[in-house]
Amino acid sequence: MKIDIQILTEQQIGEMTELISVFQKVFEMDEFIYPNENHLNKLLKSPNFLAVTAKQASTIVAGMTVYILDPYYSTKPLAFIYDLAVLRDYQRQGIGKRIIDFFKSYCQQQGFEEVFVFADQVDEEAIEFYRTTKPTHESQTVYFNYVLENHIEAKKSF
């Protein structure tokens, strides 16, 4: 199966929307509200955001989003894989691993220090998948979330 992997450019808003649709299906986000075109354009123009897609023919079947971090302790950037998904009919065919390999190669060429990703402990499939991508090391990290008020509710309080 021929799969084309690419990093989206700022002109590819339609492809970004299609990638979000892949995330919506795979992550079963039933009540998801798509961001508007202006927001997607802003993201794709940002030097701190990348979207990677995997296409079969003209259909996006997988992809990932990445945030670029500029640490204060190093002059080399870090890449944080935020989301990675492969449509169910295309899973277990090596597409996700090819995306990771493509991106690691890209980051190495661009002088990045490290690529990292978090996987929830309860998501055994994701953990097993990332183990197959031969990470340099695996750590048992606990991270904490601070859910903030919805911006609409916050505006009401002003």
C-alpha atoms as a PDB file:
ATOM      1  CA  MET A   1       0.000   0.000   0.000  1.00  0.00           C
ATOM      2  CA  LYS A   2       1.432   3.361  -1.047  1.00  0.00           C
ATOM      3  CA  ILE A   3       1.283   5.929   1.743  1.00  0.00           C
ATOM      4  CA  ASP A   4       2.466   9.513   1.285  1.00  0.00           C
ATOM      5  CA  ILE A   5       3.558  11.294   4.456  1.00  0.00           C
ATOM      6  CA  GLN A   6       3.950  15.059   4.582  1.00  0.00           C
ATOM      7  CA  ILE A   7       4.041  18.050   6.897  1.00  0.00           C
ATOM      8  CA  LEU A   8       1.148  20.386   6.137  1.00  0.00           C
ATOM      9  CA  THR A   9       1.789  23.924   4.960  1.00  0.00           C
ATOM     10  CA  GLU A  10      -0.235  26.986   5.903  1.00  0.00           C
ATOM     11  CA  GLN A  11      -2.230  26.709   2.665  1.00  0.00           C
ATOM     12  CA  GLN A  12      -3.526  23.221   3.520  1.00  0.00           C
ATOM     13  CA  ILE A  13      -6.432  24.126   5.787  1.00  0.00           C
ATOM     14  CA  GLY A  14      -8.690  21.568   4.084  1.00  0.00           C
ATOM     15  CA  GLU A  15      -6.198  18.806   4.869  1.00  0.00           C
ATOM     16  CA  MET A  16      -5.946  20.026   8.464  1.00  0.00           C
ATOM     17  CA  THR A  17      -9.726  19.774   8.761  1.00  0.00           C
ATOM     18  CA  GLU A  18      -9.572  16.255   7.307  1.00  0.00           C
ATOM     19  CA  LEU A  19      -6.860  15.331   9.838  1.00  0.00           C
ATOM     20  CA  ILE A  20      -9.043  16.616  12.671  1.00  0.00           C
ATOM     21  CA  SER A  21     -11.820  14.406  11.307  1.00  0.00           C
ATOM     22  CA  VAL A  22      -9.467  11.416  11.628  1.00  0.00           C
ATOM     23  CA  PHE A  23      -8.829  12.364  15.281  1.00  0.00           C
ATOM     24  CA  GLN A  24     -12.568  12.782  15.873  1.00  0.00           C
ATOM     25  CA  LYS A  25     -13.316   9.286  14.539  1.00  0.00           C
ATOM     26  CA  VAL A  26     -10.433   7.451  16.199  1.00  0.00           C
ATOM     27  CA  PHE A  27     -10.768   9.196  19.575  1.00  0.00           C
ATOM     28  CA  GLU A  28     -14.595   8.954  19.401  1.00  0.00           C
ATOM     29  CA  MET A  29     -15.128  12.658  20.074  1.00  0.00           C
ATOM     30  CA  ASP A  30     -18.868  12.661  19.399  1.00  0.00           C
ATOM     31  CA  GLU A  31     -19.636  16.232  20.438  1.00  0.00           C
ATOM     32  CA  PHE A  32     -16.500  17.808  19.024  1.00  0.00           C
ATOM     33  CA  ILE A  33     -16.899  21.291  17.544  1.00  0.00           C
ATOM     34  CA  TYR A  34     -14.500  21.993  14.684  1.00  0.00           C
ATOM     35  CA  PRO A  35     -12.309  25.068  15.056  1.00  0.00           C
ATOM     36  CA  ASN A  36     -12.914  27.839  12.548  1.00  0.00           C
ATOM     37  CA  GLU A  37     -10.718  28.364   9.506  1.00  0.00           C
ATOM     38  CA  ASN A  38      -9.003  31.422  11.024  1.00  0.00           C
ATOM     39  CA  HIS A  39      -7.831  29.390  13.998  1.00  0.00           C
ATOM     40  CA  LEU A  40      -6.539  26.565  11.787  1.00  0.00           C
ATOM     41  CA  ASN A  41      -4.750  29.098   9.596  1.00  0.00           C
ATOM     42  CA  LYS A  42      -3.118  30.625  12.678  1.00  0.00           C
ATOM     43  CA  LEU A  43      -1.964  27.186  13.832  1.00  0.00           C
ATOM     44  CA  LEU A  44      -0.540  26.189  10.461  1.00  0.00           C
ATOM     45  CA  LYS A  45       1.360  29.497  10.244  1.00  0.00           C
ATOM     46  CA  SER A  46       2.830  29.086  13.716  1.00  0.00           C
ATOM     47  CA  PRO A  47       6.496  28.068  13.881  1.00  0.00           C
ATOM     48  CA  ASN A  48       5.606  26.142  17.058  1.00  0.00           C
ATOM     49  CA  PHE A  49       3.029  23.799  15.514  1.00  0.00           C
ATOM     50  CA  LEU A  50       3.269  21.047  12.913  1.00  0.00           C
ATOM     51  CA  ALA A  51       0.674  18.715  11.442  1.00  0.00           C
ATOM     52  CA  VAL A  52       1.789  15.530   9.716  1.00  0.00           C
ATOM     53  CA  THR A  53      -0.531  13.537   7.472  1.00  0.00           C
ATOM     54  CA  ALA A  54      -0.411  10.098   5.895  1.00  0.00           C
ATOM     55  CA  LYS A  55      -2.435   9.737   2.703  1.00  0.00           C
ATOM     56  CA  GLN A  56      -3.477   6.756   0.677  1.00  0.00           C
ATOM     57  CA  ALA A  57      -4.330   8.101  -2.769  1.00  0.00           C
ATOM     58  CA  SER A  58      -6.029  11.397  -1.895  1.00  0.00           C
ATOM     59  CA  THR A  59      -7.474  10.361   1.481  1.00  0.00           C
ATOM     60  CA  ILE A  60      -5.880  11.167   4.832  1.00  0.00           C
ATOM     61  CA  VAL A  61      -5.859   7.902   6.774  1.00  0.00           C
ATOM     62  CA  ALA A  62      -3.595   8.956   9.649  1.00  0.00           C
ATOM     63  CA  GLY A  63      -1.636  11.821  11.082  1.00  0.00           C
ATOM     64  CA  MET A  64      -0.315  13.619  14.084  1.00  0.00           C
ATOM     65  CA  THR A  65       0.033  17.067  15.553  1.00  0.00           C
ATOM     66  CA  VAL A  66       3.192  18.332  17.198  1.00  0.00           C
ATOM     67  CA  TYR A  67       4.099  21.338  19.313  1.00  0.00           C
ATOM     68  CA  ILE A  68       7.627  22.720  19.121  1.00  0.00           C
ATOM     69  CA  LEU A  69       9.134  23.852  22.421  1.00  0.00           C
ATOM     70  CA  ASP A  70      12.154  26.110  22.813  1.00  0.00           C
ATOM     71  CA  PRO A  71      13.693  25.198  26.167  1.00  0.00           C
ATOM     72  CA  TYR A  72      15.740  27.659  28.190  1.00  0.00           C
ATOM     73  CA  TYR A  73      18.381  25.032  29.019  1.00  0.00           C
ATOM     74  CA  SER A  74      19.264  24.199  25.418  1.00  0.00           C
ATOM     75  CA  THR A  75      19.481  25.960  22.077  1.00  0.00           C
ATOM     76  CA  LYS A  76      17.942  22.949  20.341  1.00  0.00           C
ATOM     77  CA  PRO A  77      14.145  22.679  20.147  1.00  0.00           C
ATOM     78  CA  LEU A  78      12.043  19.809  21.475  1.00  0.00           C
ATOM     79  CA  ALA A  79       9.079  18.257  19.662  1.00  0.00           C
ATOM     80  CA  PHE A  80       6.038  17.185  21.691  1.00  0.00           C
ATOM     81  CA  ILE A  81       3.740  14.794  19.848  1.00  0.00           C
ATOM     82  CA  TYR A  82       0.293  15.902  20.962  1.00  0.00           C
ATOM     83  CA  ASP A  83      -2.006  13.582  18.979  1.00  0.00           C
ATOM     84  CA  LEU A  84      -1.388  10.642  16.688  1.00  0.00           C
ATOM     85  CA  ALA A  85      -4.174   8.599  15.128  1.00  0.00           C
ATOM     86  CA  VAL A  86      -4.684   6.043  12.376  1.00  0.00           C
ATOM     87  CA  LEU A  87      -8.165   5.247  11.039  1.00  0.00           C
ATOM     88  CA  ARG A  88      -9.328   1.845  12.313  1.00  0.00           C
ATOM     89  CA  ASP A  89      -9.328   0.196   8.859  1.00  0.00           C
ATOM     90  CA  TYR A  90      -5.658   1.164   8.448  1.00  0.00           C
ATOM     91  CA  GLN A  91      -4.353   0.269  11.903  1.00  0.00           C
ATOM     92  CA  ARG A  92      -1.750  -2.454  12.431  1.00  0.00           C
ATOM     93  CA  GLN A  93      -0.287  -1.908   8.973  1.00  0.00           C
ATOM     94  CA  GLY A  94       2.788   0.058  10.054  1.00  0.00           C
ATOM     95  CA  ILE A  95       1.421   3.495   9.133  1.00  0.00           C
ATOM     96  CA  GLY A  96       1.764   4.973  12.620  1.00  0.00           C
ATOM     97  CA  LYS A  97       5.334   3.712  12.879  1.00  0.00           C
ATOM     98  CA  ARG A  98       6.121   5.199   9.459  1.00  0.00           C
ATOM     99  CA  ILE A  99       4.786   8.572  10.633  1.00  0.00           C
ATOM    100  CA  ILE A 100       7.012   8.422  13.731  1.00  0.00           C
ATOM    101  CA  ASP A 101      10.058   7.402  11.665  1.00  0.00           C
ATOM    102  CA  PHE A 102       9.370  10.178   9.128  1.00  0.00           C
ATOM    103  CA  PHE A 103       9.070  12.749  11.888  1.00  0.00           C
ATOM    104  CA  LYS A 104      12.140  11.594  13.819  1.00  0.00           C
ATOM    105  CA  SER A 105      14.149  11.890  10.607  1.00  0.00           C
ATOM    106  CA  TYR A 106      12.719  15.373   9.959  1.00  0.00           C
ATOM    107  CA  CYS A 107      13.595  16.496  13.491  1.00  0.00           C
ATOM    108  CA  GLN A 108      17.105  15.109  13.235  1.00  0.00           C
ATOM    109  CA  GLN A 109      17.645  17.016   9.973  1.00  0.00           C
ATOM    110  CA  GLN A 110      16.297  20.195  11.589  1.00  0.00           C
ATOM    111  CA  GLY A 111      18.610  19.932  14.615  1.00  0.00           C
ATOM    112  CA  PHE A 112      16.056  19.037  17.287  1.00  0.00           C
ATOM    113  CA  GLU A 113      17.316  17.670  20.578  1.00  0.00           C
ATOM    114  CA  GLU A 114      14.436  15.313  21.303  1.00  0.00           C
ATOM    115  CA  VAL A 115      10.976  14.117  20.310  1.00  0.00           C
ATOM    116  CA  PHE A 116       8.663  13.027  23.124  1.00  0.00           C
ATOM    117  CA  VAL A 117       5.094  11.871  23.652  1.00  0.00           C
ATOM    118  CA  PHE A 118       2.856  11.102  26.630  1.00  0.00           C
ATOM    119  CA  ALA A 119       0.553   8.085  26.784  1.00  0.00           C
ATOM    120  CA  ASP A 120      -2.009   7.591  29.527  1.00  0.00           C
ATOM    121  CA  GLN A 121      -1.300   4.527  31.669  1.00  0.00           C
ATOM    122  CA  VAL A 122      -4.787   3.177  30.952  1.00  0.00           C
ATOM    123  CA  ASP A 123      -4.214   3.377  27.184  1.00  0.00           C
ATOM    124  CA  GLU A 124      -2.403   0.069  26.813  1.00  0.00           C
ATOM    125  CA  GLU A 125      -2.709   0.075  23.006  1.00  0.00           C
ATOM    126  CA  ALA A 126      -0.933   3.427  22.744  1.00  0.00           C
ATOM    127  CA  ILE A 127       1.793   2.337  25.151  1.00  0.00           C
ATOM    128  CA  GLU A 128       2.413  -0.861  23.198  1.00  0.00           C
ATOM    129  CA  PHE A 129       2.435   1.084  19.931  1.00  0.00           C
ATOM    130  CA  TYR A 130       5.029   3.595  21.153  1.00  0.00           C
ATOM    131  CA  ARG A 131       7.184   0.751  22.471  1.00  0.00           C
ATOM    132  CA  THR A 132       7.323  -0.673  18.923  1.00  0.00           C
ATOM    133  CA  THR A 133       8.763   2.627  17.655  1.00  0.00           C
ATOM    134  CA  LYS A 134      11.996   1.978  19.584  1.00  0.00           C
ATOM    135  CA  PRO A 135      12.117   4.994  21.900  1.00  0.00           C
ATOM    136  CA  THR A 136      15.452   5.903  23.464  1.00  0.00           C
ATOM    137  CA  HIS A 137      13.903   5.428  26.888  1.00  0.00           C
ATOM    138  CA  GLU A 138      10.563   5.110  28.627  1.00  0.00           C
ATOM    139  CA  SER A 139       9.752   6.836  31.890  1.00  0.00           C
ATOM    140  CA  GLN A 140       6.931   6.474  34.375  1.00  0.00           C
ATOM    141  CA  THR A 141       5.840  10.094  34.520  1.00  0.00           C
ATOM    142  CA  VAL A 142       2.842  11.506  36.324  1.00  0.00           C
ATOM    143  CA  TYR A 143       1.474  14.739  34.958  1.00  0.00           C
ATOM    144  CA  PHE A 144      -1.213  16.983  36.330  1.00  0.00           C
ATOM    145  CA  ASN A 145      -3.956  18.909  34.530  1.00  0.00           C
ATOM    146  CA  TYR A 146      -5.582  22.138  35.611  1.00  0.00           C
ATOM    147  CA  VAL A 147      -8.911  22.426  33.826  1.00  0.00           C
ATOM    148  CA  LEU A 148      -9.764  26.093  33.545  1.00  0.00           C
ATOM    149  CA  GLU A 149     -13.131  27.734  33.120  1.00  0.00           C
ATOM    150  CA  ASN A 150     -14.649  27.788  29.688  1.00  0.00           C
ATOM    151  CA  HIS A 151     -13.678  31.109  28.097  1.00  0.00           C
ATOM    152  CA  ILE A 152     -17.368  32.004  27.625  1.00  0.00           C
ATOM    153  CA  GLU A 153     -18.065  31.490  31.330  1.00  0.00           C
ATOM    154  CA  ALA A 154     -14.952  33.482  32.202  1.00  0.00           C
ATOM    155  CA  LYS A 155     -16.167  36.435  30.108  1.00  0.00           C
ATOM    156  CA  LYS A 156     -19.469  36.447  32.021  1.00  0.00           C
ATOM    157  CA  SER A 157     -17.638  37.086  35.278  1.00  0.00           C
ATOM    158  CA  PHE A 158     -16.005  40.319  34.069  1.00  0.00           C
END
